[in-house]
Amino acid sequence: MFSKTRKLVRRLTGNRDAIRRDLQLAVRNLPTLPLIFWPPNAEPGVRSELSAASYNSTGDLLTVVTQALLPARRKPVSAGTLVCQPEYPAASAESSRWFFINGVVTAPPLAILHAQEIARVFRRPVHLIHTPTWGVVRDVWDTITARTLKKDGHLSRPAFYVVQRALERHERVVLLCHSQGTIVASYIVRKLLKHASTRHLVSRLEIYCVAGVADGLRVDDALTQETGHAVPYVEHFANGRDFFCRVGILAHLDSTAGHVYCIPERSGHLLNEHYLPGIARGDYCGRKSRLYHYANGREPGVRDWQQPSKVVDVQHKSA
């Protein structure tokens, strides 16, 4: 116990600047926190996280609510083993392996709901890498320690090994991550690039960060020069009035690689309700992003690698 306390104190003192930075960001953007659930039911035809009809049973809905509120140590429902199949798979579905990493406060029924909607929108099998919720308070603390205090191994290590094995076996791995999942993605890239035995695999990796809270994600300059596009290839999608984007990706553009697509006046943090429909329509990117070219079973071409830039602002009247 004393050893753990001493380690925590060292992390707190060693990351004083990051703690001060994140506290200031949180306070400054606090007025946008209630907007993470707004607007409700704005996208017809989407299996919204806010609708009871989106879940298979009342029991699933109760599980989502109770696990969010009640603190408990829980195990993941899937480490890439649970696969959500689309009703109409794309012709090219077997050429790549798709993974989804969920965000905070995500019980198994909600994580599966997200993966199912991703599979439907992109018409590809989606392998779920589930980060279980230990209750909202513990989840927020884990996010703080992973991002601000750089103690992200416990949170991210299981996903790292799943993605590493997939990169060794597949020519292309697509990683779509939401919210806290972007911290996991950042850890995966950092560890892959760190070791010579895995560095070459990163050229096969595509990462799509939605509503990202990570404060950094880097690419390898030498591999990027060799391949002609960013390695790993990264895109970000953000709502300008999403609290978590404002303290995450939008506040850390200088330390985050990849093309950033943002709709400044749009609010909401929920994946199904507030992001996936707009991504599939091309609202964020003017139909230019590589992820958009995967929607509805399409396959991106060799010209669909976007060059990194700071922010692309796309006005949207219905936001």
C-alpha atoms as a PDB file:
ATOM      1  CA  MET A   1       0.000   0.000   0.000  1.00  0.00           C
ATOM      2  CA  PHE A   2       2.800   2.407   0.906  1.00  0.00           C
ATOM      3  CA  SER A   3       4.594   1.588  -2.361  1.00  0.00           C
ATOM      4  CA  LYS A   4       1.484   2.345  -4.425  1.00  0.00           C
ATOM      5  CA  THR A   5       0.951   5.619  -2.600  1.00  0.00           C
ATOM      6  CA  ARG A   6       4.552   6.626  -3.214  1.00  0.00           C
ATOM      7  CA  LYS A   7       4.238   5.845  -6.929  1.00  0.00           C
ATOM      8  CA  LEU A   8       1.042   7.893  -7.147  1.00  0.00           C
ATOM      9  CA  VAL A   9       2.721  10.851  -5.436  1.00  0.00           C
ATOM     10  CA  ARG A  10       5.617  10.637  -7.902  1.00  0.00           C
ATOM     11  CA  ARG A  11       3.216  10.656 -10.826  1.00  0.00           C
ATOM     12  CA  LEU A  12       1.318  13.603  -9.403  1.00  0.00           C
ATOM     13  CA  THR A  13       4.438  15.656  -8.813  1.00  0.00           C
ATOM     14  CA  GLY A  14       6.019  14.616 -12.110  1.00  0.00           C
ATOM     15  CA  ASN A  15       2.970  15.649 -14.112  1.00  0.00           C
ATOM     16  CA  ARG A  16       2.156  18.915 -12.355  1.00  0.00           C
ATOM     17  CA  ASP A  17       2.002  20.879 -15.592  1.00  0.00           C
ATOM     18  CA  ALA A  18      -0.338  18.371 -17.254  1.00  0.00           C
ATOM     19  CA  ILE A  19      -2.616  18.339 -14.198  1.00  0.00           C
ATOM     20  CA  ARG A  20      -2.783  22.136 -14.155  1.00  0.00           C
ATOM     21  CA  ARG A  21      -3.454  22.187 -17.913  1.00  0.00           C
ATOM     22  CA  ASP A  22      -6.282  19.651 -17.757  1.00  0.00           C
ATOM     23  CA  LEU A  23      -7.937  21.300 -14.750  1.00  0.00           C
ATOM     24  CA  GLN A  24      -7.954  24.620 -16.568  1.00  0.00           C
ATOM     25  CA  LEU A  25      -9.384  22.997 -19.693  1.00  0.00           C
ATOM     26  CA  ALA A  26     -12.135  21.261 -17.723  1.00  0.00           C
ATOM     27  CA  VAL A  27     -13.181  24.424 -15.876  1.00  0.00           C
ATOM     28  CA  ARG A  28     -13.082  26.583 -19.002  1.00  0.00           C
ATOM     29  CA  ASN A  29     -15.272  24.183 -20.982  1.00  0.00           C
ATOM     30  CA  LEU A  30     -17.616  23.110 -18.172  1.00  0.00           C
ATOM     31  CA  PRO A  31     -20.653  24.930 -19.683  1.00  0.00           C
ATOM     32  CA  THR A  32     -20.595  22.473 -22.617  1.00  0.00           C
ATOM     33  CA  LEU A  33     -20.686  19.360 -20.397  1.00  0.00           C
ATOM     34  CA  PRO A  34     -24.525  19.092 -20.347  1.00  0.00           C
ATOM     35  CA  LEU A  35     -24.490  19.098 -24.158  1.00  0.00           C
ATOM     36  CA  ILE A  36     -22.881  15.635 -24.395  1.00  0.00           C
ATOM     37  CA  PHE A  37     -26.403  14.148 -24.663  1.00  0.00           C
ATOM     38  CA  TRP A  38     -27.821  16.941 -26.835  1.00  0.00           C
ATOM     39  CA  PRO A  39     -29.640  16.919 -29.175  1.00  0.00           C
ATOM     40  CA  PRO A  40     -31.651  13.768 -28.389  1.00  0.00           C
ATOM     41  CA  ASN A  41     -33.130  11.631 -31.162  1.00  0.00           C
ATOM     42  CA  ALA A  42     -31.798  13.929 -33.863  1.00  0.00           C
ATOM     43  CA  GLU A  43     -31.071  11.165 -36.397  1.00  0.00           C
ATOM     44  CA  PRO A  44     -34.066   9.140 -37.664  1.00  0.00           C
ATOM     45  CA  GLY A  45     -33.291   5.519 -38.434  1.00  0.00           C
ATOM     46  CA  VAL A  46     -30.300   5.316 -36.079  1.00  0.00           C
ATOM     47  CA  ARG A  47     -30.224   2.945 -33.108  1.00  0.00           C
ATOM     48  CA  SER A  48     -29.748   5.710 -30.578  1.00  0.00           C
ATOM     49  CA  GLU A  49     -28.092   5.081 -27.233  1.00  0.00           C
ATOM     50  CA  LEU A  50     -30.880   7.170 -25.669  1.00  0.00           C
ATOM     51  CA  SER A  51     -33.737   5.021 -26.976  1.00  0.00           C
ATOM     52  CA  ALA A  52     -34.976   1.959 -25.067  1.00  0.00           C
ATOM     53  CA  ALA A  53     -36.038   0.451 -28.404  1.00  0.00           C
ATOM     54  CA  SER A  54     -32.377   0.201 -29.473  1.00  0.00           C
ATOM     55  CA  TYR A  55     -31.669  -2.535 -26.921  1.00  0.00           C
ATOM     56  CA  ASN A  56     -32.639  -6.190 -27.187  1.00  0.00           C
ATOM     57  CA  SER A  57     -34.460  -6.199 -23.864  1.00  0.00           C
ATOM     58  CA  THR A  58     -35.324  -4.146 -20.820  1.00  0.00           C
ATOM     59  CA  GLY A  59     -32.667  -6.144 -19.003  1.00  0.00           C
ATOM     60  CA  ASP A  60     -29.993  -4.849 -21.391  1.00  0.00           C
ATOM     61  CA  LEU A  61     -31.091  -1.275 -20.779  1.00  0.00           C
ATOM     62  CA  LEU A  62     -31.039  -1.801 -17.011  1.00  0.00           C
ATOM     63  CA  THR A  63     -27.527  -3.275 -17.305  1.00  0.00           C
ATOM     64  CA  VAL A  64     -26.318  -0.157 -19.122  1.00  0.00           C
ATOM     65  CA  VAL A  65     -27.791   2.137 -16.456  1.00  0.00           C
ATOM     66  CA  THR A  66     -26.793   0.133 -13.369  1.00  0.00           C
ATOM     67  CA  GLN A  67     -23.225  -0.511 -14.494  1.00  0.00           C
ATOM     68  CA  ALA A  68     -22.796   3.191 -15.148  1.00  0.00           C
ATOM     69  CA  LEU A  69     -23.997   4.132 -11.672  1.00  0.00           C
ATOM     70  CA  LEU A  70     -22.792   1.288  -9.458  1.00  0.00           C
ATOM     71  CA  PRO A  71     -19.029   0.905  -8.938  1.00  0.00           C
ATOM     72  CA  ALA A  72     -17.753  -2.656  -9.351  1.00  0.00           C
ATOM     73  CA  ARG A  73     -14.813  -4.508 -10.841  1.00  0.00           C
ATOM     74  CA  ARG A  74     -15.988  -6.023 -14.140  1.00  0.00           C
ATOM     75  CA  LYS A  75     -14.429  -8.073 -16.942  1.00  0.00           C
ATOM     76  CA  PRO A  76     -14.601  -7.202 -20.647  1.00  0.00           C
ATOM     77  CA  VAL A  77     -17.197  -9.010 -22.697  1.00  0.00           C
ATOM     78  CA  SER A  78     -14.843  -9.271 -25.683  1.00  0.00           C
ATOM     79  CA  ALA A  79     -11.145  -8.900 -26.428  1.00  0.00           C
ATOM     80  CA  GLY A  80     -11.690  -8.899 -30.168  1.00  0.00           C
ATOM     81  CA  THR A  81     -13.521 -12.228 -30.109  1.00  0.00           C
ATOM     82  CA  LEU A  82     -17.103 -10.949 -30.396  1.00  0.00           C
ATOM     83  CA  VAL A  83     -17.829 -10.054 -34.019  1.00  0.00           C
ATOM     84  CA  CYS A  84     -20.813  -7.976 -35.150  1.00  0.00           C
ATOM     85  CA  GLN A  85     -21.767  -8.946 -38.688  1.00  0.00           C
ATOM     86  CA  PRO A  86     -23.457  -6.578 -41.159  1.00  0.00           C
ATOM     87  CA  GLU A  87     -26.645  -7.705 -42.855  1.00  0.00           C
ATOM     88  CA  TYR A  88     -25.180  -6.943 -46.283  1.00  0.00           C
ATOM     89  CA  PRO A  89     -21.361  -7.346 -46.170  1.00  0.00           C
ATOM     90  CA  ALA A  90     -19.237  -5.358 -48.587  1.00  0.00           C
ATOM     91  CA  ALA A  91     -17.566  -7.308 -51.379  1.00  0.00           C
ATOM     92  CA  SER A  92     -14.174  -6.314 -49.991  1.00  0.00           C
ATOM     93  CA  ALA A  93     -15.017  -7.127 -46.348  1.00  0.00           C
ATOM     94  CA  GLU A  94     -12.488  -9.967 -46.129  1.00  0.00           C
ATOM     95  CA  SER A  95      -9.524  -7.822 -47.211  1.00  0.00           C
ATOM     96  CA  SER A  96      -9.187  -6.112 -43.824  1.00  0.00           C
ATOM     97  CA  ARG A  97      -9.832  -6.629 -40.118  1.00  0.00           C
ATOM     98  CA  TRP A  98     -11.955  -4.003 -38.346  1.00  0.00           C
ATOM     99  CA  PHE A  99     -11.881  -3.349 -34.601  1.00  0.00           C
ATOM    100  CA  PHE A 100     -13.906  -1.060 -32.357  1.00  0.00           C
ATOM    101  CA  ILE A 101     -12.689   0.236 -28.974  1.00  0.00           C
ATOM    102  CA  ASN A 102     -15.404   1.833 -26.849  1.00  0.00           C
ATOM    103  CA  GLY A 103     -15.340   4.867 -24.598  1.00  0.00           C
ATOM    104  CA  VAL A 104     -16.063   5.387 -20.904  1.00  0.00           C
ATOM    105  CA  VAL A 105     -19.103   4.103 -19.025  1.00  0.00           C
ATOM    106  CA  THR A 106     -19.861   1.447 -21.612  1.00  0.00           C
ATOM    107  CA  ALA A 107     -21.572  -1.714 -20.415  1.00  0.00           C
ATOM    108  CA  PRO A 108     -21.570  -4.782 -22.723  1.00  0.00           C
ATOM    109  CA  PRO A 109     -25.017  -4.121 -24.314  1.00  0.00           C
ATOM    110  CA  LEU A 110     -23.974  -0.566 -25.185  1.00  0.00           C
ATOM    111  CA  ALA A 111     -20.604  -1.634 -26.608  1.00  0.00           C
ATOM    112  CA  ILE A 112     -22.350  -4.246 -28.749  1.00  0.00           C
ATOM    113  CA  LEU A 113     -24.919  -1.657 -29.881  1.00  0.00           C
ATOM    114  CA  HIS A 114     -22.051   0.592 -31.018  1.00  0.00           C
ATOM    115  CA  ALA A 115     -20.255  -2.214 -32.851  1.00  0.00           C
ATOM    116  CA  GLN A 116     -23.479  -3.297 -34.555  1.00  0.00           C
ATOM    117  CA  GLU A 117     -24.128   0.221 -35.817  1.00  0.00           C
ATOM    118  CA  ILE A 118     -20.558   0.534 -37.123  1.00  0.00           C
ATOM    119  CA  ALA A 119     -20.973  -2.796 -38.929  1.00  0.00           C
ATOM    120  CA  ARG A 120     -24.235  -1.579 -40.470  1.00  0.00           C
ATOM    121  CA  VAL A 121     -22.870   1.802 -41.576  1.00  0.00           C
ATOM    122  CA  PHE A 122     -19.658   0.430 -43.118  1.00  0.00           C
ATOM    123  CA  ARG A 123     -20.994  -3.037 -44.051  1.00  0.00           C
ATOM    124  CA  ARG A 124     -18.018  -4.841 -42.570  1.00  0.00           C
ATOM    125  CA  PRO A 125     -17.615  -7.315 -39.688  1.00  0.00           C
ATOM    126  CA  VAL A 126     -16.529  -5.406 -36.585  1.00  0.00           C
ATOM    127  CA  HIS A 127     -14.508  -7.093 -33.836  1.00  0.00           C
ATOM    128  CA  LEU A 128     -15.288  -5.557 -30.455  1.00  0.00           C
ATOM    129  CA  ILE A 129     -12.465  -4.784 -28.033  1.00  0.00           C
ATOM    130  CA  HIS A 130     -14.463  -3.968 -24.938  1.00  0.00           C
ATOM    131  CA  THR A 131     -13.137  -1.813 -22.125  1.00  0.00           C
ATOM    132  CA  PRO A 132     -15.540  -2.561 -19.245  1.00  0.00           C
ATOM    133  CA  THR A 133     -17.033   0.144 -17.086  1.00  0.00           C
ATOM    134  CA  TRP A 134     -16.303   0.125 -13.366  1.00  0.00           C
ATOM    135  CA  GLY A 135     -18.820   2.920 -12.824  1.00  0.00           C
ATOM    136  CA  VAL A 136     -18.669   6.496 -13.973  1.00  0.00           C
ATOM    137  CA  VAL A 137     -16.459   7.744 -11.107  1.00  0.00           C
ATOM    138  CA  ARG A 138     -13.805   5.035 -11.534  1.00  0.00           C
ATOM    139  CA  ASP A 139     -13.932   5.374 -15.338  1.00  0.00           C
ATOM    140  CA  VAL A 140     -13.268   9.102 -15.146  1.00  0.00           C
ATOM    141  CA  TRP A 141     -10.386   8.467 -12.733  1.00  0.00           C
ATOM    142  CA  ASP A 142      -8.916   5.814 -15.063  1.00  0.00           C
ATOM    143  CA  THR A 143      -9.136   8.268 -17.955  1.00  0.00           C
ATOM    144  CA  ILE A 144      -7.360  10.954 -15.916  1.00  0.00           C
ATOM    145  CA  THR A 145      -4.589   8.605 -14.817  1.00  0.00           C
ATOM    146  CA  ALA A 146      -4.172   7.246 -18.357  1.00  0.00           C
ATOM    147  CA  ARG A 147      -4.037  10.633 -20.064  1.00  0.00           C
ATOM    148  CA  THR A 148      -2.808  13.155 -17.522  1.00  0.00           C
ATOM    149  CA  LEU A 149      -0.621  10.882 -15.377  1.00  0.00           C
ATOM    150  CA  LYS A 150       0.488   8.632 -18.293  1.00  0.00           C
ATOM    151  CA  LYS A 151      -0.520   5.459 -16.463  1.00  0.00           C
ATOM    152  CA  ASP A 152      -2.290   3.849 -19.402  1.00  0.00           C
ATOM    153  CA  GLY A 153      -0.892   0.316 -19.461  1.00  0.00           C
ATOM    154  CA  HIS A 154      -3.672  -1.196 -17.329  1.00  0.00           C
ATOM    155  CA  LEU A 155      -6.296   0.403 -19.534  1.00  0.00           C
ATOM    156  CA  SER A 156      -4.664  -0.227 -22.910  1.00  0.00           C
ATOM    157  CA  ARG A 157      -2.385  -3.260 -22.739  1.00  0.00           C
ATOM    158  CA  PRO A 158      -5.072  -5.911 -23.495  1.00  0.00           C
ATOM    159  CA  ALA A 159      -6.114  -4.090 -26.677  1.00  0.00           C
ATOM    160  CA  PHE A 160      -2.492  -3.687 -27.744  1.00  0.00           C
ATOM    161  CA  TYR A 161      -1.890  -7.439 -27.962  1.00  0.00           C
ATOM    162  CA  VAL A 162      -5.112  -8.003 -29.902  1.00  0.00           C
ATOM    163  CA  VAL A 163      -4.200  -5.374 -32.497  1.00  0.00           C
ATOM    164  CA  GLN A 164      -0.586  -6.568 -32.720  1.00  0.00           C
ATOM    165  CA  ARG A 165      -1.704 -10.126 -33.536  1.00  0.00           C
ATOM    166  CA  ALA A 166      -4.114  -8.820 -36.162  1.00  0.00           C
ATOM    167  CA  LEU A 167      -1.391  -6.731 -37.832  1.00  0.00           C
ATOM    168  CA  GLU A 168       0.815  -9.812 -38.050  1.00  0.00           C
ATOM    169  CA  ARG A 169      -1.931 -11.728 -39.861  1.00  0.00           C
ATOM    170  CA  HIS A 170      -3.692  -9.133 -42.024  1.00  0.00           C
ATOM    171  CA  GLU A 171      -2.553  -6.691 -44.685  1.00  0.00           C
ATOM    172  CA  ARG A 172      -4.792  -3.946 -43.306  1.00  0.00           C
ATOM    173  CA  VAL A 173      -6.218  -3.329 -39.845  1.00  0.00           C
ATOM    174  CA  VAL A 174      -8.807  -0.609 -39.277  1.00  0.00           C
ATOM    175  CA  LEU A 175      -9.218   0.641 -35.719  1.00  0.00           C
ATOM    176  CA  LEU A 176     -12.255   2.799 -34.981  1.00  0.00           C
ATOM    177  CA  CYS A 177     -12.235   4.196 -31.446  1.00  0.00           C
ATOM    178  CA  HIS A 178     -14.572   6.443 -29.498  1.00  0.00           C
ATOM    179  CA  SER A 179     -13.862   8.826 -26.611  1.00  0.00           C
ATOM    180  CA  GLN A 180     -11.590   7.062 -24.085  1.00  0.00           C
ATOM    181  CA  GLY A 181     -10.794   4.522 -26.788  1.00  0.00           C
ATOM    182  CA  THR A 182      -8.594   7.145 -28.449  1.00  0.00           C
ATOM    183  CA  ILE A 183      -6.276   7.010 -25.413  1.00  0.00           C
ATOM    184  CA  VAL A 184      -6.007   3.259 -25.992  1.00  0.00           C
ATOM    185  CA  ALA A 185      -5.228   3.862 -29.675  1.00  0.00           C
ATOM    186  CA  SER A 186      -2.484   6.331 -28.756  1.00  0.00           C
ATOM    187  CA  TYR A 187      -0.920   3.750 -26.441  1.00  0.00           C
ATOM    188  CA  ILE A 188      -1.072   1.059 -29.154  1.00  0.00           C
ATOM    189  CA  VAL A 189       0.752   3.267 -31.657  1.00  0.00           C
ATOM    190  CA  ARG A 190       3.371   4.317 -29.122  1.00  0.00           C
ATOM    191  CA  LYS A 191       4.170   0.710 -28.189  1.00  0.00           C
ATOM    192  CA  LEU A 192       4.223  -0.551 -31.785  1.00  0.00           C
ATOM    193  CA  LEU A 193       6.606   2.176 -32.913  1.00  0.00           C
ATOM    194  CA  LYS A 194       8.851   1.702 -29.895  1.00  0.00           C
ATOM    195  CA  HIS A 195      10.069  -1.790 -30.839  1.00  0.00           C
ATOM    196  CA  ALA A 196      11.907  -2.738 -34.033  1.00  0.00           C
ATOM    197  CA  SER A 197      10.076  -6.080 -34.143  1.00  0.00           C
ATOM    198  CA  THR A 198       6.683  -4.375 -34.525  1.00  0.00           C
ATOM    199  CA  ARG A 199       7.479  -0.981 -36.073  1.00  0.00           C
ATOM    200  CA  HIS A 200       7.123  -2.236 -39.654  1.00  0.00           C
ATOM    201  CA  LEU A 201       3.573  -3.433 -38.920  1.00  0.00           C
ATOM    202  CA  VAL A 202       2.302   0.095 -38.345  1.00  0.00           C
ATOM    203  CA  SER A 203       2.131   0.801 -42.095  1.00  0.00           C
ATOM    204  CA  ARG A 204      -0.860  -1.581 -42.164  1.00  0.00           C
ATOM    205  CA  LEU A 205      -2.770   0.320 -39.490  1.00  0.00           C
ATOM    206  CA  GLU A 206      -5.545   2.860 -40.035  1.00  0.00           C
ATOM    207  CA  ILE A 207      -6.981   4.654 -36.995  1.00  0.00           C
ATOM    208  CA  TYR A 208     -10.216   6.643 -36.936  1.00  0.00           C
ATOM    209  CA  CYS A 209     -10.766   8.611 -33.728  1.00  0.00           C
ATOM    210  CA  VAL A 210     -14.282   9.826 -32.943  1.00  0.00           C
ATOM    211  CA  ALA A 211     -14.856  12.360 -30.138  1.00  0.00           C
ATOM    212  CA  GLY A 212     -11.269  11.864 -29.008  1.00  0.00           C
ATOM    213  CA  VAL A 213     -10.044  12.729 -25.514  1.00  0.00           C
ATOM    214  CA  ALA A 214      -6.406  11.700 -26.036  1.00  0.00           C
ATOM    215  CA  ASP A 215      -3.870  14.516 -25.721  1.00  0.00           C
ATOM    216  CA  GLY A 216      -1.422  13.130 -28.271  1.00  0.00           C
ATOM    217  CA  LEU A 217      -0.947  10.645 -31.091  1.00  0.00           C
ATOM    218  CA  ARG A 218       2.122  10.519 -33.284  1.00  0.00           C
ATOM    219  CA  VAL A 219       3.115   9.088 -36.652  1.00  0.00           C
ATOM    220  CA  ASP A 220       6.486   7.763 -37.797  1.00  0.00           C
ATOM    221  CA  ASP A 221       8.151  10.262 -40.130  1.00  0.00           C
ATOM    222  CA  ALA A 222      10.474   7.732 -41.792  1.00  0.00           C
ATOM    223  CA  LEU A 223       7.688   5.219 -42.510  1.00  0.00           C
ATOM    224  CA  THR A 224       5.467   8.062 -43.697  1.00  0.00           C
ATOM    225  CA  GLN A 225       8.108   9.132 -46.218  1.00  0.00           C
ATOM    226  CA  GLU A 226       8.509   5.544 -47.444  1.00  0.00           C
ATOM    227  CA  THR A 227       4.801   4.882 -48.006  1.00  0.00           C
ATOM    228  CA  GLY A 228       3.668   8.302 -49.205  1.00  0.00           C
ATOM    229  CA  HIS A 229       0.968   8.661 -46.541  1.00  0.00           C
ATOM    230  CA  ALA A 230       0.908   9.027 -42.766  1.00  0.00           C
ATOM    231  CA  VAL A 231       1.952   5.890 -40.844  1.00  0.00           C
ATOM    232  CA  PRO A 232      -0.165   5.015 -39.050  1.00  0.00           C
ATOM    233  CA  TYR A 233      -2.895   6.674 -41.059  1.00  0.00           C
ATOM    234  CA  VAL A 234      -5.073   8.725 -38.699  1.00  0.00           C
ATOM    235  CA  GLU A 235      -8.268  10.770 -38.981  1.00  0.00           C
ATOM    236  CA  HIS A 236     -10.212  12.541 -36.226  1.00  0.00           C
ATOM    237  CA  PHE A 237     -13.886  13.566 -36.090  1.00  0.00           C
ATOM    238  CA  ALA A 238     -15.037  16.141 -33.555  1.00  0.00           C
ATOM    239  CA  ASN A 239     -18.114  18.155 -32.640  1.00  0.00           C
ATOM    240  CA  GLY A 240     -17.076  21.670 -31.685  1.00  0.00           C
ATOM    241  CA  ARG A 241     -19.479  21.815 -28.724  1.00  0.00           C
ATOM    242  CA  ASP A 242     -18.654  18.355 -27.400  1.00  0.00           C
ATOM    243  CA  PHE A 243     -17.058  18.854 -23.969  1.00  0.00           C
ATOM    244  CA  PHE A 244     -14.717  15.880 -24.373  1.00  0.00           C
ATOM    245  CA  CYS A 245     -13.474  17.059 -27.770  1.00  0.00           C
ATOM    246  CA  ARG A 246     -12.855  20.516 -26.359  1.00  0.00           C
ATOM    247  CA  VAL A 247     -10.628  19.147 -23.594  1.00  0.00           C
ATOM    248  CA  GLY A 248      -9.248  16.467 -25.897  1.00  0.00           C
ATOM    249  CA  ILE A 249      -8.388  16.604 -29.594  1.00  0.00           C
ATOM    250  CA  LEU A 250      -9.363  20.249 -30.161  1.00  0.00           C
ATOM    251  CA  ALA A 251      -7.114  21.425 -27.322  1.00  0.00           C
ATOM    252  CA  HIS A 252      -4.120  19.357 -28.438  1.00  0.00           C
ATOM    253  CA  LEU A 253      -3.807  19.836 -32.170  1.00  0.00           C
ATOM    254  CA  ASP A 254      -0.076  20.526 -31.948  1.00  0.00           C
ATOM    255  CA  SER A 255       0.641  17.151 -30.335  1.00  0.00           C
ATOM    256  CA  THR A 256      -1.828  15.069 -32.335  1.00  0.00           C
ATOM    257  CA  ALA A 257      -1.056  13.687 -35.774  1.00  0.00           C
ATOM    258  CA  GLY A 258      -3.692  13.100 -38.412  1.00  0.00           C
ATOM    259  CA  HIS A 259      -6.333  15.003 -40.310  1.00  0.00           C
ATOM    260  CA  VAL A 260      -8.901  16.637 -38.002  1.00  0.00           C
ATOM    261  CA  TYR A 261     -12.489  17.126 -39.166  1.00  0.00           C
ATOM    262  CA  CYS A 262     -14.661  19.338 -36.984  1.00  0.00           C
ATOM    263  CA  ILE A 263     -18.154  20.826 -37.184  1.00  0.00           C
ATOM    264  CA  PRO A 264     -17.774  23.815 -34.840  1.00  0.00           C
ATOM    265  CA  GLU A 265     -21.427  24.406 -33.910  1.00  0.00           C
ATOM    266  CA  ARG A 266     -22.476  20.770 -33.458  1.00  0.00           C
ATOM    267  CA  SER A 267     -22.902  19.281 -29.982  1.00  0.00           C
ATOM    268  CA  GLY A 268     -23.256  15.742 -28.626  1.00  0.00           C
ATOM    269  CA  HIS A 269     -20.800  13.011 -27.630  1.00  0.00           C
ATOM    270  CA  LEU A 270     -22.729   9.792 -28.319  1.00  0.00           C
ATOM    271  CA  LEU A 271     -21.282   7.641 -31.105  1.00  0.00           C
ATOM    272  CA  ASN A 272     -24.482   6.406 -32.752  1.00  0.00           C
ATOM    273  CA  GLU A 273     -26.651   9.438 -32.144  1.00  0.00           C
ATOM    274  CA  HIS A 274     -24.217  12.286 -32.741  1.00  0.00           C
ATOM    275  CA  TYR A 275     -21.384  11.060 -34.960  1.00  0.00           C
ATOM    276  CA  LEU A 276     -21.859   8.009 -37.183  1.00  0.00           C
ATOM    277  CA  PRO A 277     -24.690   9.377 -39.391  1.00  0.00           C
ATOM    278  CA  GLY A 278     -22.756  12.575 -40.109  1.00  0.00           C
ATOM    279  CA  ILE A 279     -19.590  10.636 -40.879  1.00  0.00           C
ATOM    280  CA  ALA A 280     -21.474   8.354 -43.285  1.00  0.00           C
ATOM    281  CA  ARG A 281     -23.008  11.357 -45.080  1.00  0.00           C
ATOM    282  CA  GLY A 282     -19.681  13.152 -45.321  1.00  0.00           C
ATOM    283  CA  ASP A 283     -20.879  16.099 -43.200  1.00  0.00           C
ATOM    284  CA  TYR A 284     -17.551  16.465 -41.404  1.00  0.00           C
ATOM    285  CA  CYS A 285     -15.245  16.251 -44.367  1.00  0.00           C
ATOM    286  CA  GLY A 286     -17.053  17.459 -47.472  1.00  0.00           C
ATOM    287  CA  ARG A 287     -16.927  13.789 -48.604  1.00  0.00           C
ATOM    288  CA  LYS A 288     -13.140  13.789 -48.617  1.00  0.00           C
ATOM    289  CA  SER A 289     -12.070  11.661 -45.646  1.00  0.00           C
ATOM    290  CA  ARG A 290     -10.874   8.100 -46.120  1.00  0.00           C
ATOM    291  CA  LEU A 291     -13.335   6.814 -43.516  1.00  0.00           C
ATOM    292  CA  TYR A 292     -16.211   8.368 -45.473  1.00  0.00           C
ATOM    293  CA  HIS A 293     -15.125   6.352 -48.506  1.00  0.00           C
ATOM    294  CA  TYR A 294     -15.617   3.145 -46.494  1.00  0.00           C
ATOM    295  CA  ALA A 295     -19.277   3.965 -45.726  1.00  0.00           C
ATOM    296  CA  ASN A 296     -22.014   1.816 -47.260  1.00  0.00           C
ATOM    297  CA  GLY A 297     -19.521  -0.863 -48.264  1.00  0.00           C
ATOM    298  CA  ARG A 298     -17.377   1.308 -50.509  1.00  0.00           C
ATOM    299  CA  GLU A 299     -13.610   0.875 -50.773  1.00  0.00           C
ATOM    300  CA  PRO A 300     -11.229   3.863 -50.655  1.00  0.00           C
ATOM    301  CA  GLY A 301      -8.880   4.355 -53.576  1.00  0.00           C
ATOM    302  CA  VAL A 302      -5.188   5.132 -53.691  1.00  0.00           C
ATOM    303  CA  ARG A 303      -5.980   8.845 -53.898  1.00  0.00           C
ATOM    304  CA  ASP A 304      -8.080   8.853 -50.718  1.00  0.00           C
ATOM    305  CA  TRP A 305      -5.167   9.253 -48.301  1.00  0.00           C
ATOM    306  CA  GLN A 306      -5.677  12.687 -46.720  1.00  0.00           C
ATOM    307  CA  GLN A 307      -2.646  14.752 -45.792  1.00  0.00           C
ATOM    308  CA  PRO A 308      -2.496  15.909 -42.149  1.00  0.00           C
ATOM    309  CA  SER A 309      -3.757  19.386 -41.359  1.00  0.00           C
ATOM    310  CA  LYS A 310      -4.909  21.251 -38.283  1.00  0.00           C
ATOM    311  CA  VAL A 311      -8.699  21.585 -38.499  1.00  0.00           C
ATOM    312  CA  VAL A 312     -11.221  21.421 -41.290  1.00  0.00           C
ATOM    313  CA  ASP A 313     -14.306  23.440 -40.319  1.00  0.00           C
ATOM    314  CA  VAL A 314     -17.491  22.383 -42.077  1.00  0.00           C
ATOM    315  CA  GLN A 315     -20.580  24.477 -41.415  1.00  0.00           C
ATOM    316  CA  HIS A 316     -23.778  22.510 -40.889  1.00  0.00           C
ATOM    317  CA  LYS A 317     -27.078  24.338 -40.698  1.00  0.00           C
ATOM    318  CA  SER A 318     -29.003  21.595 -38.905  1.00  0.00           C
ATOM    319  CA  ALA A 319     -26.558  21.248 -36.002  1.00  0.00           C
END
